[in-house]
Amino acid sequence: MPWEKMSALDRRIRFVRDYLSGDYTKKALCMHYGISRPTGDKWIERYSLYGLGGLYERSRRPHRYRQRHQSSLGG
């Protein structure tokens, strides 16, 4: 049987759905999905705060960039 391909979003949705069903422990689900418990906690928290929108990929770009001062450029 071939492995089922799942997007990151689908995986997060299924993890949260399985957690909310109450049929599994968080530890068992994290092991099944191959994630750490802090990651599982993060997904559950994002879902509880933002719903499905909280499970989408977030930008990893810094919110702010350090600005260089003119004196640090040697000019």
Protein backbone atom coordinates (compact mmCIF):
# COMPACT_ATOMS: atom_id res chain seq x y z
CA MET A 1 0.00 0.00 0.00
CA PRO A 2 1.53 3.36 -0.99
CA TRP A 3 2.00 6.09 1.58
CA GLU A 4 -0.73 8.64 1.66
CA LYS A 5 0.52 12.08 0.66
CA MET A 6 -0.78 14.80 2.90
CA SER A 7 -0.19 18.54 2.82
CA ALA A 8 1.05 20.26 5.97
CA LEU A 9 -2.35 21.89 6.40
CA ASP A 10 -4.20 18.58 6.03
CA ARG A 11 -1.91 17.02 8.61
CA ARG A 12 -2.59 19.80 11.10
CA ILE A 13 -6.34 19.63 10.53
CA ARG A 14 -6.38 15.86 11.05
CA PHE A 15 -4.23 16.16 14.17
CA VAL A 16 -6.60 18.71 15.72
CA ARG A 17 -9.68 16.76 14.62
CA ASP A 18 -8.31 13.57 16.20
CA TYR A 19 -7.38 15.45 19.37
CA LEU A 20 -10.84 17.03 19.69
CA SER A 21 -12.51 13.64 19.22
CA GLY A 22 -11.19 12.64 22.64
CA ASP A 23 -10.38 9.14 21.40
CA TYR A 24 -6.61 9.57 21.64
CA THR A 25 -4.13 11.05 24.06
CA LYS A 26 -2.07 14.01 22.94
CA LYS A 27 1.09 11.96 23.42
CA ALA A 28 -0.21 9.16 21.17
CA LEU A 29 -1.28 11.62 18.48
CA CYS A 30 2.07 13.41 18.50
CA MET A 31 3.86 10.09 18.09
CA HIS A 32 1.49 9.05 15.28
CA TYR A 33 1.93 12.34 13.39
CA GLY A 34 5.68 12.47 14.06
CA ILE A 35 5.66 15.80 15.85
CA SER A 36 6.85 16.97 19.25
CA ARG A 37 4.37 17.66 22.04
CA PRO A 38 5.17 21.41 22.03
CA THR A 39 4.31 21.46 18.31
CA GLY A 40 1.05 19.64 19.04
CA ASP A 41 0.28 22.17 21.77
CA LYS A 42 1.00 25.01 19.32
CA TRP A 43 -1.38 23.61 16.70
CA ILE A 44 -4.14 23.07 19.29
CA GLU A 45 -3.71 26.57 20.68
CA ARG A 46 -3.73 28.19 17.24
CA TYR A 47 -6.89 26.29 16.34
CA SER A 48 -8.61 27.32 19.57
CA LEU A 49 -7.67 30.99 19.03
CA TYR A 50 -8.14 31.36 15.26
CA GLY A 51 -10.07 28.33 14.02
CA LEU A 52 -8.96 26.71 10.76
CA GLY A 53 -7.18 29.91 9.75
CA GLY A 54 -4.73 29.39 12.59
CA LEU A 55 -3.48 26.16 11.04
CA TYR A 56 -2.26 27.71 7.78
CA GLU A 57 1.46 28.21 7.23
CA ARG A 58 2.77 31.43 8.67
CA SER A 59 5.46 33.61 7.21
CA ARG A 60 8.88 33.02 8.72
CA ARG A 61 10.07 36.46 7.68
CA PRO A 62 11.08 38.66 10.60
CA HIS A 63 8.49 41.25 11.56
CA ARG A 64 11.16 43.92 11.80
CA TYR A 65 14.61 44.36 10.39
CA ARG A 66 17.44 46.02 12.22
CA GLN A 67 18.25 49.28 10.57
CA ARG A 68 21.89 50.03 9.95
CA HIS A 69 23.18 53.37 11.09
CA GLN A 70 25.23 55.39 8.67
CA SER A 71 28.24 55.26 11.02
CA SER A 72 28.25 51.43 11.00
CA LEU A 73 28.64 51.43 7.21
CA GLY A 74 31.96 53.19 7.43
CA GLY A 75 30.79 56.30 5.67
